[in-house]
Protein backbone atom coordinates (compact mmCIF):
# COMPACT_ATOMS: atom_id res chain seq x y z
CA MET A 1 -199.04 -76.53 -105.80
CA VAL A 2 -197.00 -75.69 -108.84
CA PHE A 3 -196.26 -72.28 -107.31
CA LYS A 4 -194.96 -73.88 -104.11
CA LYS A 5 -192.74 -76.30 -106.01
CA THR A 6 -191.37 -73.55 -108.19
CA PHE A 7 -190.73 -71.32 -105.18
CA ALA A 8 -188.94 -74.20 -103.48
CA ILE A 9 -186.74 -74.58 -106.55
CA ILE A 10 -185.87 -70.88 -106.35
CA LEU A 11 -184.96 -71.16 -102.69
CA ALA A 12 -182.87 -74.25 -103.32
CA VAL A 13 -180.93 -72.68 -106.17
CA THR A 14 -180.49 -69.43 -104.26
CA GLY A 15 -179.33 -71.32 -101.18
CA ALA A 16 -176.86 -73.32 -103.23
CA LYS A 17 -175.45 -70.18 -104.79
CA MET A 18 -175.18 -68.42 -101.42
CA SER A 19 -173.49 -71.50 -100.00
CA GLN A 20 -170.94 -71.37 -102.80
CA ALA A 21 -170.37 -67.68 -102.10
CA GLN A 22 -169.85 -68.39 -98.38
CA GLN A 23 -167.22 -71.00 -99.18
CA VAL A 24 -164.89 -68.44 -100.73
CA ASP A 25 -161.63 -68.56 -98.78
CA PHE A 26 -160.68 -65.01 -97.87
CA ARG A 27 -157.14 -64.59 -96.69
CA PRO A 28 -156.01 -61.10 -95.79
CA ASP A 29 -152.76 -59.73 -97.19
CA THR A 30 -150.55 -57.53 -95.01
CA VAL A 31 -148.76 -54.84 -96.96
CA VAL A 32 -146.05 -52.79 -95.20
CA THR A 33 -145.06 -49.63 -97.04
CA VAL A 34 -141.86 -47.95 -95.84
CA SER A 35 -141.30 -44.26 -96.56
CA ASN A 36 -138.34 -43.49 -98.81
CA ASP A 37 -138.11 -39.88 -97.60
CA ARG A 38 -134.54 -39.60 -96.31
CA TYR A 39 -135.48 -36.68 -94.05
CA GLN A 40 -138.15 -38.64 -92.15
CA VAL A 41 -137.43 -41.17 -89.39
CA GLN A 42 -139.35 -42.57 -86.46
CA THR A 43 -138.49 -41.27 -83.02
CA ASN A 44 -136.93 -43.94 -80.81
CA ARG A 45 -137.43 -44.57 -77.12
CA PHE A 46 -135.50 -42.60 -74.49
CA TRP A 47 -133.04 -45.39 -73.76
CA ASP A 48 -132.14 -45.85 -77.43
CA ASN A 49 -129.28 -44.16 -79.32
CA TRP A 50 -126.93 -43.66 -76.36
CA PHE A 51 -123.17 -43.61 -76.88
CA ILE A 52 -119.90 -43.36 -74.97
CA ASN A 53 -116.71 -41.77 -76.26
CA VAL A 54 -113.11 -41.86 -75.07
CA GLY A 55 -110.31 -39.88 -76.64
CA ALA A 56 -106.75 -38.68 -76.25
CA GLY A 57 -104.83 -35.91 -77.93
CA ALA A 58 -103.08 -32.61 -77.40
CA GLN A 59 -104.02 -29.17 -76.12
CA ILE A 60 -102.61 -25.66 -75.92
CA TYR A 61 -103.55 -22.97 -73.41
CA PHE A 62 -103.72 -19.27 -74.31
CA GLY A 63 -102.75 -17.23 -71.23
CA ASP A 64 -101.37 -13.72 -70.80
CA HIS A 65 -97.72 -14.63 -71.37
CA ASN A 66 -97.92 -18.00 -73.07
CA LYS A 67 -97.49 -16.44 -76.49
CA GLN A 68 -93.87 -15.69 -75.55
CA MET A 69 -93.17 -19.44 -75.57
CA LYS A 70 -92.58 -21.77 -78.47
CA LEU A 71 -95.62 -23.71 -79.59
CA SER A 72 -93.97 -27.06 -78.92
CA GLU A 73 -93.25 -26.00 -75.33
CA ARG A 74 -96.93 -25.30 -74.64
CA LEU A 75 -98.40 -28.51 -76.03
CA THR A 76 -99.60 -30.98 -73.39
CA PRO A 77 -101.64 -34.20 -73.43
CA ASN A 78 -105.40 -34.13 -73.04
CA PHE A 79 -107.80 -36.97 -72.27
CA GLU A 80 -111.57 -37.04 -72.57
CA PHE A 81 -114.60 -39.18 -71.66
CA ASN A 82 -118.17 -38.47 -72.85
CA LEU A 83 -121.62 -39.99 -72.42
CA GLY A 84 -124.30 -38.84 -74.83
CA LYS A 85 -127.56 -39.48 -76.63
CA TRP A 86 -128.98 -38.66 -80.06
CA PHE A 87 -132.62 -37.58 -79.87
CA SER A 88 -132.84 -37.60 -83.65
CA PRO A 89 -130.33 -38.19 -86.46
CA GLY A 90 -129.60 -34.46 -86.42
CA ILE A 91 -129.62 -33.39 -82.76
CA GLY A 92 -127.89 -34.90 -79.75
CA VAL A 93 -126.46 -34.01 -76.35
CA ARG A 94 -123.52 -35.23 -74.33
CA ALA A 95 -121.86 -34.66 -70.97
CA GLY A 96 -118.20 -35.28 -70.37
CA VAL A 97 -114.94 -34.43 -68.70
CA ASN A 98 -111.54 -33.66 -70.21
CA GLY A 99 -108.23 -32.24 -69.09
CA TYR A 100 -104.86 -33.18 -67.59
CA LYS A 101 -102.11 -30.55 -67.53
CA ILE A 102 -101.53 -26.99 -68.70
CA LYS A 103 -98.13 -25.47 -69.47
CA GLY A 104 -97.33 -21.82 -70.01
CA ALA A 105 -95.38 -18.85 -68.72
CA THR A 106 -96.06 -16.71 -65.68
CA GLN A 107 -94.77 -13.33 -64.54
CA ASN A 108 -96.33 -13.20 -61.08
CA GLY A 109 -95.21 -16.70 -60.13
CA SER A 110 -98.63 -18.39 -60.15
CA HIS A 111 -98.30 -22.16 -60.68
CA SER A 112 -94.58 -21.59 -61.27
CA THR A 113 -92.20 -24.54 -61.46
CA GLY A 114 -89.44 -22.32 -60.06
CA GLU A 115 -87.55 -22.42 -63.32
CA LYS A 116 -86.96 -19.21 -65.21
CA TYR A 117 -88.11 -19.36 -68.78
CA THR A 118 -85.07 -19.13 -71.07
CA GLY A 119 -86.51 -20.20 -74.40
CA LYS A 120 -86.29 -16.63 -75.72
CA PRO A 121 -84.57 -13.47 -74.49
CA TRP A 122 -87.50 -12.25 -72.35
CA ASP A 123 -85.41 -11.44 -69.29
CA GLY A 124 -87.05 -8.07 -68.96
CA TYR A 125 -90.37 -9.82 -68.37
CA TRP A 126 -89.02 -12.12 -65.59
CA LEU A 127 -91.02 -15.06 -66.95
CA TYR A 128 -91.07 -18.43 -65.27
CA ASN A 129 -92.29 -21.79 -66.50
CA GLN A 130 -95.85 -22.50 -65.44
CA GLU A 131 -97.44 -25.92 -65.02
CA PHE A 132 -100.61 -27.10 -63.26
CA ASN A 133 -103.24 -29.85 -63.48
CA TYR A 134 -106.89 -29.18 -64.22
CA PHE A 135 -110.12 -30.88 -65.27
CA HIS A 136 -112.98 -29.58 -67.34
CA ILE A 137 -116.60 -30.79 -66.95
CA HIS A 138 -118.78 -29.84 -69.92
CA GLY A 139 -122.16 -30.34 -71.57
CA ASP A 140 -122.64 -29.97 -75.32
CA VAL A 141 -125.44 -29.85 -77.87
CA LEU A 142 -124.43 -31.51 -81.15
CA PHE A 143 -125.84 -30.81 -84.60
CA ASN A 144 -125.14 -33.52 -87.19
CA LEU A 145 -125.06 -31.43 -90.35
CA SER A 146 -124.60 -34.49 -92.55
CA ASN A 147 -127.98 -35.87 -91.49
CA ILE A 148 -129.68 -32.47 -91.27
CA PHE A 149 -128.78 -31.39 -94.81
CA SER A 150 -128.29 -34.71 -96.62
CA GLY A 151 -130.87 -36.86 -94.87
CA TYR A 152 -130.38 -39.85 -92.60
CA LYS A 153 -128.22 -42.68 -93.93
CA ASN A 154 -127.32 -45.46 -91.50
CA ASP A 155 -124.14 -46.51 -93.32
CA ARG A 156 -122.73 -43.03 -94.01
CA PHE A 157 -118.95 -43.20 -93.57
CA TYR A 158 -118.28 -39.62 -92.46
CA SER A 159 -120.40 -37.21 -90.45
CA ILE A 160 -119.60 -33.72 -89.22
CA SER A 161 -121.29 -32.36 -86.09
CA PRO A 162 -120.55 -28.84 -84.84
CA TYR A 163 -121.45 -28.30 -81.19
CA VAL A 164 -121.83 -25.59 -78.56
CA GLY A 165 -121.89 -25.94 -74.81
CA LEU A 166 -121.03 -24.74 -71.33
CA GLY A 167 -118.56 -26.13 -68.84
CA TRP A 168 -116.89 -25.87 -65.46
CA MET A 169 -113.07 -25.63 -65.52
CA VAL A 170 -111.35 -26.45 -62.24
CA THR A 171 -107.80 -26.49 -60.84
CA ASN A 172 -107.29 -27.50 -57.22
CA GLU A 173 -103.63 -26.45 -57.15
CA ALA A 174 -102.89 -23.13 -55.43
CA PRO A 175 -104.01 -20.65 -56.48
CA ALA A 176 -107.16 -22.79 -56.96
CA ALA A 177 -109.78 -21.64 -59.43
CA LYS A 178 -113.23 -22.69 -60.62
CA GLU A 179 -114.58 -20.90 -63.67
CA VAL A 180 -117.47 -21.24 -66.12
CA SER A 181 -116.38 -21.99 -69.67
CA ALA A 182 -118.02 -21.43 -73.05
CA ASN A 183 -117.31 -24.15 -75.60
CA ILE A 184 -117.52 -24.53 -79.34
CA GLY A 185 -116.16 -27.30 -81.50
CA ILE A 186 -116.45 -29.80 -84.31
CA TYR A 187 -117.10 -33.51 -83.71
CA ASN A 188 -115.99 -35.58 -86.72
CA SER A 189 -116.98 -39.26 -86.87
CA PHE A 190 -115.81 -42.00 -89.24
CA ARG A 191 -117.90 -45.19 -89.32
CA LEU A 192 -115.92 -48.35 -88.57
CA SER A 193 -118.94 -50.62 -87.97
CA ASP A 194 -122.57 -50.39 -86.91
CA ALA A 195 -121.52 -49.96 -83.29
CA LEU A 196 -118.11 -48.26 -83.51
CA ASP A 197 -116.89 -44.90 -84.86
CA LEU A 198 -113.45 -43.33 -85.05
CA THR A 199 -113.70 -39.69 -83.93
CA LEU A 200 -111.74 -36.46 -84.16
CA ASP A 201 -112.96 -33.86 -81.66
CA VAL A 202 -111.65 -30.30 -81.99
CA ARG A 203 -112.74 -28.11 -79.05
CA GLY A 204 -112.21 -24.47 -78.18
CA ALA A 205 -112.98 -23.45 -74.58
CA MET A 206 -113.05 -19.85 -73.36
CA VAL A 207 -112.55 -19.21 -69.64
CA ASN A 208 -112.01 -16.19 -67.38
CA ASP A 209 -108.57 -14.56 -67.54
CA ARG A 210 -107.92 -15.31 -63.87
CA PHE A 211 -108.13 -19.09 -64.24
CA ASP A 212 -104.35 -19.52 -64.54
CA GLY A 213 -103.79 -17.28 -61.50
CA GLU A 214 -102.69 -14.29 -63.52
CA THR A 215 -104.61 -11.40 -65.01
CA GLY A 216 -103.40 -9.10 -67.73
CA ASN A 217 -104.58 -7.42 -70.88
CA ARG A 218 -106.69 -10.42 -71.91
CA ARG A 219 -110.34 -10.44 -70.98
CA GLN A 220 -110.52 -14.19 -71.46
CA ASP A 221 -108.09 -17.09 -71.60
CA GLY A 222 -108.66 -20.01 -73.92
CA ASN A 223 -107.83 -23.65 -74.40
CA LEU A 224 -107.70 -25.41 -77.77
CA SER A 225 -107.66 -29.21 -77.95
CA ALA A 226 -107.77 -31.91 -80.61
CA LEU A 227 -108.51 -35.49 -79.58
CA LEU A 228 -108.63 -38.74 -81.52
CA GLY A 229 -111.00 -41.29 -80.02
CA LEU A 230 -113.49 -44.11 -80.32
CA THR A 231 -117.27 -43.96 -79.89
CA TYR A 232 -119.37 -47.00 -79.00
CA LYS A 233 -123.08 -46.76 -79.83
CA PHE A 234 -125.47 -48.77 -77.66
CA LYS A 235 -128.48 -50.54 -79.14
CA LYS A 236 -130.81 -49.41 -80.45
CA ARG A 237 -128.42 -47.40 -82.59
CA ASP A 238 -130.25 -46.87 -85.90
CA TRP A 239 -133.42 -45.03 -86.97
CA GLU A 240 -136.38 -46.57 -88.78
CA LYS A 241 -138.34 -45.00 -91.59
CA PRO A 242 -142.05 -44.29 -91.11
CA SER A 243 -144.25 -47.05 -92.45
CA SER A 244 -147.92 -47.81 -92.90
CA VAL A 245 -149.55 -51.23 -92.72
CA VAL A 246 -152.70 -52.08 -94.64
CA ILE A 247 -154.54 -55.38 -94.23
CA SER A 248 -156.47 -56.04 -97.43
CA TYR A 249 -157.95 -58.80 -99.55
CA SER A 250 -156.65 -59.65 -102.99
CA ASP A 251 -158.51 -58.43 -106.07
CA GLU A 252 -158.72 -62.03 -107.26
CA LEU A 253 -160.82 -63.11 -104.28
CA LEU A 254 -163.03 -60.04 -104.39
CA ASN A 255 -163.62 -60.50 -108.11
CA SER A 256 -164.51 -64.13 -107.47
CA LEU A 257 -167.18 -63.06 -105.00
CA ARG A 258 -168.55 -60.44 -107.40
CA GLU A 259 -168.73 -63.05 -110.18
CA LYS A 260 -170.71 -65.43 -107.99
CA VAL A 261 -173.12 -62.66 -107.03
CA ARG A 262 -173.55 -61.78 -110.72
CA LYS A 263 -174.32 -65.39 -111.65
CA LEU A 264 -176.78 -65.68 -108.78
CA SER A 265 -178.59 -62.60 -110.02
CA GLU A 266 -178.76 -64.02 -113.56
CA ASP A 267 -180.15 -67.33 -112.28
CA ASN A 268 -182.77 -65.46 -110.28
CA GLU A 269 -183.93 -63.54 -113.34
CA ALA A 270 -184.07 -66.77 -115.37
CA LEU A 271 -186.23 -68.49 -112.73
CA LYS A 272 -188.63 -65.55 -112.60
CA ALA A 273 -188.96 -65.64 -116.38
CA GLN A 274 -189.72 -69.39 -116.31
CA LEU A 275 -192.42 -68.90 -113.66
CA LEU A 276 -194.10 -66.13 -115.59
CA ALA A 277 -193.98 -68.15 -118.80
CA SER A 278 -195.48 -71.27 -117.20
CA GLN A 279 -198.26 -69.78 -115.09
CA GLY A 280 -198.61 -66.11 -115.86
CA LYS A 281 -199.07 -65.48 -112.16
CA THR A 282 -197.56 -62.68 -110.10
CA ILE A 283 -195.26 -63.95 -107.41
CA THR A 284 -193.31 -62.26 -104.72
CA GLU A 285 -190.21 -60.72 -106.25
CA ILE A 286 -186.97 -62.20 -105.02
CA LYS A 287 -184.03 -59.79 -104.85
CA VAL A 288 -180.41 -60.67 -104.40
CA GLU A 289 -178.42 -57.66 -103.21
CA GLU A 290 -174.69 -57.18 -103.11
CA LYS A 291 -173.63 -56.97 -99.48
CA ILE A 292 -169.96 -56.21 -99.79
CA LEU A 293 -168.00 -55.80 -96.56
CA ALA A 294 -164.94 -53.59 -96.56
CA ALA A 295 -161.82 -55.58 -95.67
CA PRO A 296 -160.28 -54.71 -92.27
CA ILE A 297 -157.71 -51.94 -92.44
CA LEU A 298 -154.82 -51.15 -90.09
CA VAL A 299 -153.21 -47.71 -90.04
CA THR A 300 -150.03 -47.17 -88.01
CA PHE A 301 -148.73 -43.98 -86.39
CA PRO A 302 -145.28 -42.70 -85.38
CA ILE A 303 -144.50 -43.02 -81.69
CA ASN A 304 -146.43 -40.53 -79.48
CA GLN A 305 -148.35 -39.13 -82.47
CA SER A 306 -151.95 -39.23 -83.71
CA ILE A 307 -151.64 -37.34 -87.00
CA VAL A 308 -152.90 -39.27 -90.05
CA SER A 309 -150.34 -39.24 -92.85
CA ASN A 310 -151.26 -38.48 -96.47
CA GLU A 311 -150.33 -42.05 -97.42
CA ALA A 312 -152.78 -43.41 -94.85
CA ARG A 313 -155.45 -40.99 -96.12
CA VAL A 314 -155.16 -42.52 -99.59
CA ASN A 315 -155.81 -46.01 -98.19
CA LEU A 316 -158.68 -44.66 -96.09
CA GLY A 317 -160.19 -43.13 -99.22
CA PHE A 318 -160.32 -46.56 -100.91
CA PHE A 319 -161.71 -48.04 -97.70
CA ALA A 320 -164.44 -45.38 -97.56
CA LYS A 321 -165.55 -46.14 -101.15
CA VAL A 322 -166.11 -49.80 -100.27
CA ILE A 323 -168.07 -48.86 -97.12
CA LYS A 324 -170.36 -46.52 -99.05
CA ALA A 325 -170.88 -49.06 -101.85
CA GLY A 326 -171.72 -51.88 -99.45
CA ASN A 327 -174.50 -52.71 -97.05
CA LYS A 328 -175.65 -49.57 -95.26
CA ASN A 329 -176.59 -51.57 -92.16
CA VAL A 330 -173.03 -52.78 -91.52
CA VAL A 331 -171.30 -50.98 -88.64
CA TYR A 332 -167.52 -50.72 -88.60
CA LYS A 333 -165.62 -50.54 -85.32
CA VAL A 334 -162.73 -48.04 -85.24
CA THR A 335 -160.38 -49.08 -82.42
CA GLY A 336 -157.26 -47.19 -81.36
CA TYR A 337 -154.18 -48.80 -79.83
CA ALA A 338 -150.84 -47.74 -78.33
CA ASP A 339 -147.57 -49.53 -77.68
CA LYS A 340 -147.61 -50.74 -74.06
CA GLY A 341 -143.83 -50.49 -73.85
CA THR A 342 -143.89 -46.74 -74.49
CA GLY A 343 -145.51 -44.27 -72.11
CA THR A 344 -147.70 -44.54 -69.02
CA ALA A 345 -151.15 -46.17 -68.93
CA VAL A 346 -152.81 -42.74 -68.75
CA PHE A 347 -150.86 -41.46 -71.76
CA ASN A 348 -151.52 -44.62 -73.80
CA ASN A 349 -155.28 -44.37 -73.14
CA ARG A 350 -155.24 -40.78 -74.34
CA ILE A 351 -153.10 -41.34 -77.44
CA SER A 352 -155.04 -44.47 -78.51
CA SER A 353 -158.32 -42.52 -78.18
CA GLU A 354 -156.91 -39.62 -80.20
CA ARG A 355 -155.76 -42.00 -82.95
CA ALA A 356 -159.21 -43.62 -83.23
CA LYS A 357 -160.89 -40.20 -83.38
CA ALA A 358 -158.42 -39.08 -86.04
CA ILE A 359 -159.35 -42.00 -88.32
CA TYR A 360 -163.06 -41.39 -87.62
CA ASN A 361 -162.71 -37.71 -88.58
CA VAL A 362 -160.95 -38.56 -91.85
CA LEU A 363 -163.59 -41.11 -92.86
CA VAL A 364 -166.55 -38.88 -91.91
CA HIS A 365 -165.35 -35.37 -92.73
CA GLU A 366 -163.06 -36.05 -95.69
CA PHE A 367 -164.73 -39.05 -97.36
CA ASP A 368 -168.38 -38.61 -96.28
CA VAL A 369 -168.80 -41.99 -94.59
CA ASN A 370 -172.09 -42.19 -92.66
CA PRO A 371 -171.24 -41.59 -88.96
CA GLY A 372 -173.93 -44.13 -88.08
CA GLN A 373 -171.78 -46.86 -89.65
CA LEU A 374 -168.80 -46.11 -87.41
CA GLU A 375 -168.25 -46.96 -83.77
CA VAL A 376 -165.17 -45.48 -82.04
CA SER A 377 -163.32 -47.20 -79.21
CA TYR A 378 -159.79 -47.48 -77.82
CA GLU A 379 -157.75 -50.08 -75.97
CA GLY A 380 -154.85 -48.04 -74.56
CA GLY A 381 -151.44 -49.69 -74.41
CA VAL A 382 -151.25 -53.27 -75.71
CA ASP A 383 -148.52 -55.85 -76.21
CA ASN A 384 -147.15 -56.45 -79.71
CA MET A 385 -150.15 -57.50 -81.82
CA TYR A 386 -148.42 -58.53 -85.05
CA TYR A 387 -145.01 -59.99 -85.90
CA ASP A 388 -143.60 -59.04 -82.46
CA ASP A 389 -143.25 -55.50 -83.81
CA PRO A 390 -144.24 -52.64 -81.44
CA ARG A 391 -144.75 -50.28 -84.40
CA LEU A 392 -147.81 -52.30 -85.45
CA SER A 393 -149.37 -51.68 -82.02
CA ARG A 394 -149.28 -47.89 -82.49
CA ALA A 395 -152.28 -48.18 -84.74
CA VAL A 396 -155.98 -48.04 -85.46
CA ILE A 397 -157.84 -51.10 -86.76
CA THR A 398 -161.19 -50.62 -88.52
CA ILE A 399 -163.25 -53.78 -89.05
CA ALA A 400 -166.89 -54.72 -89.57
CA LYS A 401 -168.64 -55.79 -86.36
């Protein structure tokens, strides 16, 4: 009878202590760590980082006889329109059209105005003024050296971007001509606001010698232009730094739970000592074990990637220590996700599965977590799960089942 009463007391005290432990209010903390590496950014979607550019300036054409003229007599207006996209802070493409009118001198009468050139005593050459309209369609690849060598900076005032490209130069005035052009230039941009840049575009275009209707000693003719313009950048126009998100519990709450478990263990030992002192009988030993659950963890990935960053590996290492120190019977579910707004359903299923397997491999092969305590699954593309931020949906969440 005494044994039963004493055992009941033990159960009551143990139950009270466990009840107190269960009443601990655990509130997860979300920590977002943003990379400060200026050379790393997150890739944006295809329809982000587009821009349009309009410009006006002057040009000069280098034909067979144009060098006989004064420079001021050869200068003509030039106008340009471009549509482009930056795939990264350092590399972009654009397509555009420029042109208007070319002036020069001709000996064979091609594109002649009918007026003999009298600017210099070149009577022996029988030169006539030449003038014709043209347009030039071109595609360019731009390299932003400021971002490539100095790292991305969204409020940088000046950027320099050399470019190379190909084009199609056309004049429909007799004698008509259509020739492929090779282009090289420098695109200078000066930041006026988040959306607007002032630009200076210096372009050199090389075209076949016959484009102006006259062939001579030159193998190629050329056109040099300088245009001042404005560039409007469509949203989304900036680049975000890689970040990782970890959902964790505060040390204060975890320490509170450990303290309660410690006190419960001390009370258990005291009760066993009292029973032995009062009766000297052997009773069933009561053990109170620590059953610590690892807090849920969320690891994010760059768009279209499943590679685990070193920063995420550090957090996974801490997570693995808690798993191995806790209850060996607890199974943790490793679930991969993808951003529904990016990619097809088939692609999102694949990338979310690859992300989950990547976290599994790190925990098992790098930190020796028991594979039997992990269950891998994936959800494919999902809507924004946290804070209406699609980056937090490109993730893997690991949580106790």
